[in-house]
Each structure stands twice: as structure tokens, then as C-alpha cells.
Amino acid sequence: MSTNEWTKTELQTYILLLCANADSVETSEEIDLIKSKVDKSTFDKIYAEFSQDSEDESLDKINEAIHLHEYSNIELAQFRKEMYEIFFSDCSFSMMERNLDKIMDNMLY
């Protein structure tokens, strides 16, 4: 799927999946948290796409898609909050997660 066809919800799901995978381990808590924010068909579609992409491809897709949608400051703040929920769902904030957080910070602002 082309990123210019992603809805904001699909982009959000993709970003949260990247956050869950930042430390190379997707826990069931992280996946369940993401699933709770989106309907099953959207999750399944985006998860299938995410699973086939490398980290570089993921970052490129996210960067492209973010610029196609106009996000308000409130939406961006909510985005960050949800990212931190994923990062801290396992009660730790690893170096790989911190690095992704910095990359996402540059993309979102």
C-alpha cells in the first residue's frame, strides 16, 4: 500500500508498531495496546505491511506519510503520549527505544 493512501489511523498504527518493535521484541502487551486503539481489519492490514518492511523502509514511509497529513499540535501531543505508552508498557525505556524516540521527534515536529 502506498503511504499516500494511509489514513491518520493507519499511520498511527504503523508508527506504534515501529515503537513496539524498537527493541526488536514485540511483547503481547505492546501488541494488545495497539490493537485496543484500532479496529481489527486496520490492525491486520497495517501489521502485514509493517512485517514486510525493513526499519529504513518504515522510517521512509512514516516520514512521507506524516507530511501528507496536517496534524494539529494537539494531535501530535496525543501521538507522543501513545508512543510513550508503548515504549513504557514493559516498564523500561531501552537505548534503541530512546534512539527511535529522537528520530520520531525530528519527524513529528
PDB file of N, CA and C in Angstrom:
ATOM      1  N   MET A   1       0.843  -1.180   0.000  1.00  0.00           N
ATOM      2  CA  MET A   1       0.000   0.000   0.000  1.00  0.00           C
ATOM      3  C   MET A   1       0.884   1.238   0.000  1.00  0.00           C
ATOM      4  N   SER A   2       0.510   2.209  -0.770  1.00  0.00           N
ATOM      5  CA  SER A   2       1.250   3.467  -0.818  1.00  0.00           C
ATOM      6  C   SER A   2       0.911   4.288   0.418  1.00  0.00           C
ATOM      7  N   THR A   3       1.923   4.943   0.975  1.00  0.00           N
ATOM      8  CA  THR A   3       1.686   5.738   2.184  1.00  0.00           C
ATOM      9  C   THR A   3       0.769   6.912   1.921  1.00  0.00           C
ATOM     10  N   ASN A   4       0.660   7.369   0.664  1.00  0.00           N
ATOM     11  CA  ASN A   4      -0.242   8.488   0.410  1.00  0.00           C
ATOM     12  C   ASN A   4      -1.700   8.040   0.445  1.00  0.00           C
ATOM     13  N   GLU A   5      -1.935   6.747   0.605  1.00  0.00           N
ATOM     14  CA  GLU A   5      -3.287   6.223   0.760  1.00  0.00           C
ATOM     15  C   GLU A   5      -3.617   5.926   2.227  1.00  0.00           C
ATOM     16  N   TRP A   6      -2.643   6.060   3.116  1.00  0.00           N
ATOM     17  CA  TRP A   6      -2.876   5.792   4.532  1.00  0.00           C
ATOM     18  C   TRP A   6      -3.751   6.869   5.156  1.00  0.00           C
ATOM     19  N   THR A   7      -4.657   6.428   6.010  1.00  0.00           N
ATOM     20  CA  THR A   7      -5.409   7.368   6.830  1.00  0.00           C
ATOM     21  C   THR A   7      -4.533   7.735   8.034  1.00  0.00           C
ATOM     22  N   LYS A   8      -4.958   8.698   8.800  1.00  0.00           N
ATOM     23  CA  LYS A   8      -4.209   9.048  10.016  1.00  0.00           C
ATOM     24  C   LYS A   8      -4.170   7.861  10.980  1.00  0.00           C
ATOM     25  N   THR A   9      -5.264   7.119  11.056  1.00  0.00           N
ATOM     26  CA  THR A   9      -5.320   5.951  11.948  1.00  0.00           C
ATOM     27  C   THR A   9      -4.335   4.875  11.495  1.00  0.00           C
ATOM     28  N   GLU A  10      -4.245   4.650  10.196  1.00  0.00           N
ATOM     29  CA  GLU A  10      -3.302   3.657   9.679  1.00  0.00           C
ATOM     30  C   GLU A  10      -1.864   4.091   9.946  1.00  0.00           C
ATOM     31  N   LEU A  11      -1.575   5.366   9.752  1.00  0.00           N
ATOM     32  CA  LEU A  11      -0.233   5.872  10.041  1.00  0.00           C
ATOM     33  C   LEU A  11       0.083   5.727  11.524  1.00  0.00           C
ATOM     34  N   GLN A  12      -0.865   6.070  12.359  1.00  0.00           N
ATOM     35  CA  GLN A  12      -0.681   5.938  13.805  1.00  0.00           C
ATOM     36  C   GLN A  12      -0.372   4.486  14.167  1.00  0.00           C
ATOM     37  N   THR A  13      -1.121   3.561  13.590  1.00  0.00           N
ATOM     38  CA  THR A  13      -0.916   2.137  13.864  1.00  0.00           C
ATOM     39  C   THR A  13       0.481   1.706  13.433  1.00  0.00           C
ATOM     40  N   TYR A  14       0.886   2.141  12.266  1.00  0.00           N
ATOM     41  CA  TYR A  14       2.218   1.787  11.741  1.00  0.00           C
ATOM     42  C   TYR A  14       3.316   2.325  12.670  1.00  0.00           C
ATOM     43  N   ILE A  15       3.178   3.576  13.093  1.00  0.00           N
ATOM     44  CA  ILE A  15       4.177   4.175  13.997  1.00  0.00           C
ATOM     45  C   ILE A  15       4.219   3.427  15.326  1.00  0.00           C
ATOM     46  N   LEU A  16       3.063   3.094  15.865  1.00  0.00           N
ATOM     47  CA  LEU A  16       3.040   2.375  17.143  1.00  0.00           C
ATOM     48  C   LEU A  16       3.655   0.990  17.014  1.00  0.00           C
ATOM     49  N   LEU A  17       3.456   0.348  15.862  1.00  0.00           N
ATOM     50  CA  LEU A  17       4.111  -0.946  15.631  1.00  0.00           C
ATOM     51  C   LEU A  17       5.627  -0.781  15.587  1.00  0.00           C
ATOM     52  N   LEU A  18       6.096   0.292  14.963  1.00  0.00           N
ATOM     53  CA  LEU A  18       7.537   0.554  14.939  1.00  0.00           C
ATOM     54  C   LEU A  18       8.054   0.777  16.359  1.00  0.00           C
ATOM     55  N   CYS A  19       7.292   1.504  17.159  1.00  0.00           N
ATOM     56  CA  CYS A  19       7.687   1.726  18.557  1.00  0.00           C
ATOM     57  C   CYS A  19       7.742   0.410  19.329  1.00  0.00           C
ATOM     58  N   ALA A  20       6.759  -0.446  19.103  1.00  0.00           N
ATOM     59  CA  ALA A  20       6.732  -1.746  19.784  1.00  0.00           C
ATOM     60  C   ALA A  20       7.918  -2.609  19.390  1.00  0.00           C
ATOM     61  N   ASN A  21       8.400  -2.429  18.183  1.00  0.00           N
ATOM     62  CA  ASN A  21       9.490  -3.240  17.650  1.00  0.00           C
ATOM     63  C   ASN A  21      10.856  -2.563  17.796  1.00  0.00           C
ATOM     64  N   ALA A  22      10.900  -1.409  18.425  1.00  0.00           N
ATOM     65  CA  ALA A  22      12.145  -0.626  18.523  1.00  0.00           C
ATOM     66  C   ALA A  22      13.276  -1.418  19.177  1.00  0.00           C
ATOM     67  N   ASP A  23      12.938  -2.227  20.170  1.00  0.00           N
ATOM     68  CA  ASP A  23      13.961  -3.023  20.857  1.00  0.00           C
ATOM     69  C   ASP A  23      14.020  -4.451  20.292  1.00  0.00           C
ATOM     70  N   SER A  24      13.461  -4.628  19.103  1.00  0.00           N
ATOM     71  CA  SER A  24      13.442  -5.911  18.382  1.00  0.00           C
ATOM     72  C   SER A  24      12.583  -6.978  19.038  1.00  0.00           C
ATOM     73  N   VAL A  25      11.789  -6.584  20.029  1.00  0.00           N
ATOM     74  CA  VAL A  25      10.904  -7.530  20.702  1.00  0.00           C
ATOM     75  C   VAL A  25       9.519  -6.902  20.826  1.00  0.00           C
ATOM     76  N   GLU A  26       8.547  -7.485  20.131  1.00  0.00           N
ATOM     77  CA  GLU A  26       7.168  -7.037  20.260  1.00  0.00           C
ATOM     78  C   GLU A  26       6.514  -7.882  21.340  1.00  0.00           C
ATOM     79  N   THR A  27       6.196  -7.282  22.472  1.00  0.00           N
ATOM     80  CA  THR A  27       5.551  -8.043  23.541  1.00  0.00           C
ATOM     81  C   THR A  27       4.048  -8.110  23.293  1.00  0.00           C
ATOM     82  N   SER A  28       3.413  -9.078  23.898  1.00  0.00           N
ATOM     83  CA  SER A  28       1.959  -9.202  23.748  1.00  0.00           C
ATOM     84  C   SER A  28       1.260  -7.977  24.342  1.00  0.00           C
ATOM     85  N   GLU A  29       1.843  -7.394  25.404  1.00  0.00           N
ATOM     86  CA  GLU A  29       1.263  -6.189  26.000  1.00  0.00           C
ATOM     87  C   GLU A  29       1.283  -5.035  24.997  1.00  0.00           C
ATOM     88  N   GLU A  30       2.400  -4.893  24.285  1.00  0.00           N
ATOM     89  CA  GLU A  30       2.508  -3.821  23.294  1.00  0.00           C
ATOM     90  C   GLU A  30       1.503  -4.025  22.157  1.00  0.00           C
ATOM     91  N   ILE A  31       1.425  -5.224  21.655  1.00  0.00           N
ATOM     92  CA  ILE A  31       0.506  -5.522  20.552  1.00  0.00           C
ATOM     93  C   ILE A  31      -0.943  -5.344  21.006  1.00  0.00           C
ATOM     94  N   ASP A  32      -1.272  -5.817  22.195  1.00  0.00           N
ATOM     95  CA  ASP A  32      -2.641  -5.659  22.711  1.00  0.00           C
ATOM     96  C   ASP A  32      -3.001  -4.189  22.878  1.00  0.00           C
ATOM     97  N   LEU A  33      -2.043  -3.386  23.327  1.00  0.00           N
ATOM     98  CA  LEU A  33      -2.279  -1.954  23.493  1.00  0.00           C
ATOM     99  C   LEU A  33      -2.564  -1.298  22.139  1.00  0.00           C
ATOM    100  N   ILE A  34      -1.810  -1.664  21.131  1.00  0.00           N
ATOM    101  CA  ILE A  34      -2.035  -1.119  19.785  1.00  0.00           C
ATOM    102  C   ILE A  34      -3.393  -1.582  19.260  1.00  0.00           C
ATOM    103  N   LYS A  35      -3.705  -2.849  19.436  1.00  0.00           N
ATOM    104  CA  LYS A  35      -4.990  -3.389  18.974  1.00  0.00           C
ATOM    105  C   LYS A  35      -6.167  -2.678  19.634  1.00  0.00           C
ATOM    106  N   SER A  36      -5.976  -2.225  20.868  1.00  0.00           N
ATOM    107  CA  SER A  36      -7.065  -1.560  21.590  1.00  0.00           C
ATOM    108  C   SER A  36      -7.377  -0.174  21.012  1.00  0.00           C
ATOM    109  N   LYS A  37      -6.480   0.349  20.194  1.00  0.00           N
ATOM    110  CA  LYS A  37      -6.638   1.695  19.643  1.00  0.00           C
ATOM    111  C   LYS A  37      -7.205   1.708  18.226  1.00  0.00           C
ATOM    112  N   VAL A  38      -7.378   0.536  17.630  1.00  0.00           N
ATOM    113  CA  VAL A  38      -7.765   0.472  16.226  1.00  0.00           C
ATOM    114  C   VAL A  38      -8.610  -0.774  15.977  1.00  0.00           C
ATOM    115  N   ASP A  39      -9.430  -0.739  14.917  1.00  0.00           N
ATOM    116  CA  ASP A  39     -10.243  -1.920  14.609  1.00  0.00           C
ATOM    117  C   ASP A  39      -9.353  -3.039  14.051  1.00  0.00           C
ATOM    118  N   LYS A  40      -9.882  -4.259  14.117  1.00  0.00           N
ATOM    119  CA  LYS A  40      -9.102  -5.451  13.759  1.00  0.00           C
ATOM    120  C   LYS A  40      -8.639  -5.433  12.303  1.00  0.00           C
ATOM    121  N   SER A  41      -9.492  -5.036  11.373  1.00  0.00           N
ATOM    122  CA  SER A  41      -9.104  -5.071   9.962  1.00  0.00           C
ATOM    123  C   SER A  41      -7.974  -4.082   9.666  1.00  0.00           C
ATOM    124  N   THR A  42      -8.033  -2.904  10.281  1.00  0.00           N
ATOM    125  CA  THR A  42      -6.954  -1.929  10.096  1.00  0.00           C
ATOM    126  C   THR A  42      -5.657  -2.459  10.686  1.00  0.00           C
ATOM    127  N   PHE A  43      -5.743  -3.007  11.899  1.00  0.00           N
ATOM    128  CA  PHE A  43      -4.538  -3.559  12.524  1.00  0.00           C
ATOM    129  C   PHE A  43      -3.931  -4.650  11.648  1.00  0.00           C
ATOM    130  N   ASP A  44      -4.754  -5.587  11.208  1.00  0.00           N
ATOM    131  CA  ASP A  44      -4.254  -6.718  10.417  1.00  0.00           C
ATOM    132  C   ASP A  44      -3.603  -6.243   9.118  1.00  0.00           C
ATOM    133  N   LYS A  45      -4.219  -5.291   8.440  1.00  0.00           N
ATOM    134  CA  LYS A  45      -3.696  -4.774   7.175  1.00  0.00           C
ATOM    135  C   LYS A  45      -2.346  -4.073   7.391  1.00  0.00           C
ATOM    136  N   ILE A  46      -2.286  -3.208   8.404  1.00  0.00           N
ATOM    137  CA  ILE A  46      -1.049  -2.457   8.655  1.00  0.00           C
ATOM    138  C   ILE A  46       0.032  -3.366   9.223  1.00  0.00           C
ATOM    139  N   TYR A  47      -0.336  -4.320  10.072  1.00  0.00           N
ATOM    140  CA  TYR A  47       0.657  -5.240  10.623  1.00  0.00           C
ATOM    141  C   TYR A  47       1.294  -6.082   9.519  1.00  0.00           C
ATOM    142  N   ALA A  48       0.478  -6.523   8.567  1.00  0.00           N
ATOM    143  CA  ALA A  48       1.012  -7.312   7.447  1.00  0.00           C
ATOM    144  C   ALA A  48       2.015  -6.494   6.648  1.00  0.00           C
ATOM    145  N   GLU A  49       1.702  -5.233   6.410  1.00  0.00           N
ATOM    146  CA  GLU A  49       2.629  -4.374   5.673  1.00  0.00           C
ATOM    147  C   GLU A  49       3.887  -4.098   6.493  1.00  0.00           C
ATOM    148  N   PHE A  50       3.697  -3.772   7.768  1.00  0.00           N
ATOM    149  CA  PHE A  50       4.831  -3.471   8.649  1.00  0.00           C
ATOM    150  C   PHE A  50       5.790  -4.660   8.721  1.00  0.00           C
ATOM    151  N   SER A  51       5.250  -5.850   8.790  1.00  0.00           N
ATOM    152  CA  SER A  51       6.068  -7.057   8.931  1.00  0.00           C
ATOM    153  C   SER A  51       6.991  -7.292   7.747  1.00  0.00           C
ATOM    154  N   GLN A  52       6.642  -6.751   6.594  1.00  0.00           N
ATOM    155  CA  GLN A  52       7.448  -6.947   5.388  1.00  0.00           C
ATOM    156  C   GLN A  52       8.496  -5.848   5.183  1.00  0.00           C
ATOM    157  N   ASP A  53       8.416  -4.769   5.958  1.00  0.00           N
ATOM    158  CA  ASP A  53       9.304  -3.625   5.754  1.00  0.00           C
ATOM    159  C   ASP A  53      10.526  -3.674   6.666  1.00  0.00           C
ATOM    160  N   SER A  54      11.657  -3.199   6.137  1.00  0.00           N
ATOM    161  CA  SER A  54      12.844  -3.028   6.983  1.00  0.00           C
ATOM    162  C   SER A  54      12.657  -1.753   7.812  1.00  0.00           C
ATOM    163  N   GLU A  55      13.539  -1.549   8.779  1.00  0.00           N
ATOM    164  CA  GLU A  55      13.438  -0.342   9.606  1.00  0.00           C
ATOM    165  C   GLU A  55      13.608   0.907   8.752  1.00  0.00           C
ATOM    166  N   ASP A  56      14.555   0.890   7.819  1.00  0.00           N
ATOM    167  CA  ASP A  56      14.757   2.052   6.945  1.00  0.00           C
ATOM    168  C   ASP A  56      13.525   2.320   6.091  1.00  0.00           C
ATOM    169  N   GLU A  57      12.935   1.263   5.547  1.00  0.00           N
ATOM    170  CA  GLU A  57      11.706   1.431   4.762  1.00  0.00           C
ATOM    171  C   GLU A  57      10.590   2.010   5.624  1.00  0.00           C
ATOM    172  N   SER A  58      10.500   1.522   6.851  1.00  0.00           N
ATOM    173  CA  SER A  58       9.474   2.013   7.771  1.00  0.00           C
ATOM    174  C   SER A  58       9.642   3.500   8.039  1.00  0.00           C
ATOM    175  N   LEU A  59      10.859   3.909   8.332  1.00  0.00           N
ATOM    176  CA  LEU A  59      11.108   5.330   8.617  1.00  0.00           C
ATOM    177  C   LEU A  59      10.828   6.194   7.400  1.00  0.00           C
ATOM    178  N   ASP A  60      11.203   5.719   6.213  1.00  0.00           N
ATOM    179  CA  ASP A  60      10.918   6.468   4.982  1.00  0.00           C
ATOM    180  C   ASP A  60       9.414   6.608   4.772  1.00  0.00           C
ATOM    181  N   LYS A  61       8.685   5.522   4.966  1.00  0.00           N
ATOM    182  CA  LYS A  61       7.234   5.555   4.782  1.00  0.00           C
ATOM    183  C   LYS A  61       6.578   6.517   5.773  1.00  0.00           C
ATOM    184  N   ILE A  62       7.017   6.458   7.022  1.00  0.00           N
ATOM    185  CA  ILE A  62       6.460   7.326   8.055  1.00  0.00           C
ATOM    186  C   ILE A  62       6.740   8.781   7.728  1.00  0.00           C
ATOM    187  N   ASN A  63       7.972   9.075   7.360  1.00  0.00           N
ATOM    188  CA  ASN A  63       8.352  10.453   7.051  1.00  0.00           C
ATOM    189  C   ASN A  63       7.501  10.998   5.896  1.00  0.00           C
ATOM    190  N   GLU A  64       7.309  10.184   4.879  1.00  0.00           N
ATOM    191  CA  GLU A  64       6.490  10.607   3.736  1.00  0.00           C
ATOM    192  C   GLU A  64       5.037  10.828   4.150  1.00  0.00           C
ATOM    193  N   ALA A  65       4.497   9.886   4.910  1.00  0.00           N
ATOM    194  CA  ALA A  65       3.080   9.944   5.277  1.00  0.00           C
ATOM    195  C   ALA A  65       2.774  11.087   6.245  1.00  0.00           C
ATOM    196  N   ILE A  66       3.677  11.375   7.161  1.00  0.00           N
ATOM    197  CA  ILE A  66       3.459  12.455   8.122  1.00  0.00           C
ATOM    198  C   ILE A  66       3.250  13.774   7.391  1.00  0.00           C
ATOM    199  N   HIS A  67       4.013  13.979   6.339  1.00  0.00           N
ATOM    200  CA  HIS A  67       3.930  15.247   5.616  1.00  0.00           C
ATOM    201  C   HIS A  67       2.698  15.345   4.726  1.00  0.00           C
ATOM    202  N   LEU A  68       2.017  14.238   4.486  1.00  0.00           N
ATOM    203  CA  LEU A  68       0.796  14.255   3.683  1.00  0.00           C
ATOM    204  C   LEU A  68      -0.429  14.652   4.510  1.00  0.00           C
ATOM    205  N   HIS A  69      -0.345  14.471   5.814  1.00  0.00           N
ATOM    206  CA  HIS A  69      -1.443  14.824   6.715  1.00  0.00           C
ATOM    207  C   HIS A  69      -1.057  16.077   7.481  1.00  0.00           C
ATOM    208  N   GLU A  70      -2.024  16.925   7.703  1.00  0.00           N
ATOM    209  CA  GLU A  70      -1.765  18.103   8.524  1.00  0.00           C
ATOM    210  C   GLU A  70      -2.204  17.788   9.945  1.00  0.00           C
ATOM    211  N   TYR A  71      -1.225  17.709  10.827  1.00  0.00           N
ATOM    212  CA  TYR A  71      -1.503  17.394  12.218  1.00  0.00           C
ATOM    213  C   TYR A  71      -1.516  18.663  13.050  1.00  0.00           C
ATOM    214  N   SER A  72      -2.482  18.759  13.943  1.00  0.00           N
ATOM    215  CA  SER A  72      -2.514  19.868  14.899  1.00  0.00           C
ATOM    216  C   SER A  72      -1.535  19.564  16.026  1.00  0.00           C
ATOM    217  N   ASN A  73      -1.200  20.570  16.805  1.00  0.00           N
ATOM    218  CA  ASN A  73      -0.310  20.355  17.949  1.00  0.00           C
ATOM    219  C   ASN A  73      -0.934  19.382  18.947  1.00  0.00           C
ATOM    220  N   ILE A  74      -2.240  19.437  19.083  1.00  0.00           N
ATOM    221  CA  ILE A  74      -2.924  18.517  19.998  1.00  0.00           C
ATOM    222  C   ILE A  74      -2.799  17.081  19.498  1.00  0.00           C
ATOM    223  N   GLU A  75      -2.981  16.871  18.199  1.00  0.00           N
ATOM    224  CA  GLU A  75      -2.832  15.526  17.630  1.00  0.00           C
ATOM    225  C   GLU A  75      -1.410  15.012  17.813  1.00  0.00           C
ATOM    226  N   LEU A  76      -0.421  15.876  17.608  1.00  0.00           N
ATOM    227  CA  LEU A  76       0.976  15.466  17.779  1.00  0.00           C
ATOM    228  C   LEU A  76       1.272  15.110  19.228  1.00  0.00           C
ATOM    229  N   ALA A  77       0.739  15.888  20.151  1.00  0.00           N
ATOM    230  CA  ALA A  77       0.941  15.602  21.578  1.00  0.00           C
ATOM    231  C   ALA A  77       0.302  14.261  21.942  1.00  0.00           C
ATOM    232  N   GLN A  78      -0.873  13.973  21.392  1.00  0.00           N
ATOM    233  CA  GLN A  78      -1.538  12.701  21.650  1.00  0.00           C
ATOM    234  C   GLN A  78      -0.726  11.540  21.063  1.00  0.00           C
ATOM    235  N   PHE A  79      -0.185  11.767  19.867  1.00  0.00           N
ATOM    236  CA  PHE A  79       0.690  10.793  19.213  1.00  0.00           C
ATOM    237  C   PHE A  79       1.854  10.430  20.132  1.00  0.00           C
ATOM    238  N   ARG A  80       2.516  11.445  20.651  1.00  0.00           N
ATOM    239  CA  ARG A  80       3.675  11.234  21.526  1.00  0.00           C
ATOM    240  C   ARG A  80       3.261  10.453  22.775  1.00  0.00           C
ATOM    241  N   LYS A  81       2.121  10.806  23.338  1.00  0.00           N
ATOM    242  CA  LYS A  81       1.630  10.121  24.536  1.00  0.00           C
ATOM    243  C   LYS A  81       1.450   8.629  24.246  1.00  0.00           C
ATOM    244  N   GLU A  82       0.856   8.316  23.104  1.00  0.00           N
ATOM    245  CA  GLU A  82       0.633   6.914  22.751  1.00  0.00           C
ATOM    246  C   GLU A  82       1.949   6.185  22.479  1.00  0.00           C
ATOM    247  N   MET A  83       2.900   6.878  21.886  1.00  0.00           N
ATOM    248  CA  MET A  83       4.219   6.271  21.664  1.00  0.00           C
ATOM    249  C   MET A  83       4.855   5.910  22.995  1.00  0.00           C
ATOM    250  N   TYR A  84       4.768   6.811  23.975  1.00  0.00           N
ATOM    251  CA  TYR A  84       5.368   6.539  25.285  1.00  0.00           C
ATOM    252  C   TYR A  84       4.635   5.415  26.002  1.00  0.00           C
ATOM    253  N   GLU A  85       3.318   5.286  25.794  1.00  0.00           N
ATOM    254  CA  GLU A  85       2.590   4.158  26.375  1.00  0.00           C
ATOM    255  C   GLU A  85       3.191   2.845  25.869  1.00  0.00           C
ATOM    256  N   ILE A  86       3.511   2.800  24.578  1.00  0.00           N
ATOM    257  CA  ILE A  86       4.116   1.588  24.000  1.00  0.00           C
ATOM    258  C   ILE A  86       5.525   1.389  24.549  1.00  0.00           C
ATOM    259  N   PHE A  87       6.334   2.447  24.511  1.00  0.00           N
ATOM    260  CA  PHE A  87       7.715   2.334  24.996  1.00  0.00           C
ATOM    261  C   PHE A  87       7.769   1.829  26.442  1.00  0.00           C
ATOM    262  N   PHE A  88       6.881   2.347  27.298  1.00  0.00           N
ATOM    263  CA  PHE A  88       6.952   2.024  28.721  1.00  0.00           C
ATOM    264  C   PHE A  88       6.037   0.873  29.133  1.00  0.00           C
ATOM    265  N   SER A  89       5.379   0.224  28.178  1.00  0.00           N
ATOM    266  CA  SER A  89       4.482  -0.876  28.530  1.00  0.00           C
ATOM    267  C   SER A  89       5.226  -2.041  29.170  1.00  0.00           C
ATOM    268  N   ASP A  90       6.526  -2.157  28.883  1.00  0.00           N
ATOM    269  CA  ASP A  90       7.338  -3.215  29.501  1.00  0.00           C
ATOM    270  C   ASP A  90       8.174  -2.681  30.659  1.00  0.00           C
ATOM    271  N   CYS A  91       7.820  -1.479  31.129  1.00  0.00           N
ATOM    272  CA  CYS A  91       8.452  -0.841  32.295  1.00  0.00           C
ATOM    273  C   CYS A  91       9.929  -0.531  32.093  1.00  0.00           C
ATOM    274  N   SER A  92      10.342  -0.347  30.848  1.00  0.00           N
ATOM    275  CA  SER A  92      11.711   0.070  30.586  1.00  0.00           C
ATOM    276  C   SER A  92      11.722   0.954  29.351  1.00  0.00           C
ATOM    277  N   PHE A  93      12.813   1.694  29.189  1.00  0.00           N
ATOM    278  CA  PHE A  93      12.979   2.585  28.035  1.00  0.00           C
ATOM    279  C   PHE A  93      14.394   2.368  27.539  1.00  0.00           C
ATOM    280  N   SER A  94      14.553   1.377  26.659  1.00  0.00           N
ATOM    281  CA  SER A  94      15.871   0.937  26.215  1.00  0.00           C
ATOM    282  C   SER A  94      16.556   1.987  25.348  1.00  0.00           C
ATOM    283  N   MET A  95      17.834   1.797  25.120  1.00  0.00           N
ATOM    284  CA  MET A  95      18.588   2.730  24.281  1.00  0.00           C
ATOM    285  C   MET A  95      18.011   2.756  22.858  1.00  0.00           C
ATOM    286  N   MET A  96      17.633   1.597  22.336  1.00  0.00           N
ATOM    287  CA  MET A  96      17.056   1.550  20.981  1.00  0.00           C
ATOM    288  C   MET A  96      15.730   2.306  20.932  1.00  0.00           C
ATOM    289  N   GLU A  97      14.948   2.207  22.002  1.00  0.00           N
ATOM    290  CA  GLU A  97      13.687   2.949  22.065  1.00  0.00           C
ATOM    291  C   GLU A  97      13.950   4.449  22.163  1.00  0.00           C
ATOM    292  N   ARG A  98      14.948   4.833  22.938  1.00  0.00           N
ATOM    293  CA  ARG A  98      15.308   6.265  23.039  1.00  0.00           C
ATOM    294  C   ARG A  98      15.771   6.804  21.698  1.00  0.00           C
ATOM    295  N   ASN A  99      16.542   6.003  20.960  1.00  0.00           N
ATOM    296  CA  ASN A  99      17.002   6.435  19.636  1.00  0.00           C
ATOM    297  C   ASN A  99      15.827   6.630  18.682  1.00  0.00           C
ATOM    298  N   LEU A 100      14.900   5.687  18.679  1.00  0.00           N
ATOM    299  CA  LEU A 100      13.721   5.831  17.829  1.00  0.00           C
ATOM    300  C   LEU A 100      12.906   7.046  18.264  1.00  0.00           C
ATOM    301  N   ASP A 101      12.824   7.278  19.560  1.00  0.00           N
ATOM    302  CA  ASP A 101      12.091   8.432  20.068  1.00  0.00           C
ATOM    303  C   ASP A 101      12.683   9.732  19.508  1.00  0.00           C
ATOM    304  N   LYS A 102      13.992   9.828  19.474  1.00  0.00           N
ATOM    305  CA  LYS A 102      14.644  11.029  18.924  1.00  0.00           C
ATOM    306  C   LYS A 102      14.373  11.169  17.433  1.00  0.00           C
ATOM    307  N   ILE A 103      14.422  10.070  16.702  1.00  0.00           N
ATOM    308  CA  ILE A 103      14.146  10.098  15.256  1.00  0.00           C
ATOM    309  C   ILE A 103      12.700  10.553  15.025  1.00  0.00           C
ATOM    310  N   MET A 104      11.769   9.978  15.777  1.00  0.00           N
ATOM    311  CA  MET A 104      10.368  10.346  15.621  1.00  0.00           C
ATOM    312  C   MET A 104      10.122  11.795  16.027  1.00  0.00           C
ATOM    313  N   ASP A 105      10.829  12.240  17.041  1.00  0.00           N
ATOM    314  CA  ASP A 105      10.710  13.641  17.470  1.00  0.00           C
ATOM    315  C   ASP A 105      11.069  14.577  16.309  1.00  0.00           C
ATOM    316  N   ASN A 106      12.118  14.245  15.590  1.00  0.00           N
ATOM    317  CA  ASN A 106      12.523  15.067  14.432  1.00  0.00           C
ATOM    318  C   ASN A 106      11.497  15.008  13.312  1.00  0.00           C
ATOM    319  N   MET A 107      10.865  13.872  13.127  1.00  0.00           N
ATOM    320  CA  MET A 107       9.872  13.738  12.047  1.00  0.00           C
ATOM    321  C   MET A 107       8.554  14.449  12.384  1.00  0.00           C
ATOM    322  N   LEU A 108       8.161  14.360  13.633  1.00  0.00           N
ATOM    323  CA  LEU A 108       6.846  14.886  14.017  1.00  0.00           C
ATOM    324  C   LEU A 108       6.842  16.401  14.229  1.00  0.00           C
ATOM    325  N   TYR A 109       7.992  16.993  14.505  1.00  0.00           N
ATOM    326  CA  TYR A 109       7.987  18.446  14.798  1.00  0.00           C
ATOM    327  C   TYR A 109       8.822  19.233  13.841  1.00  0.00           C
TER     328      TYR A 109
END
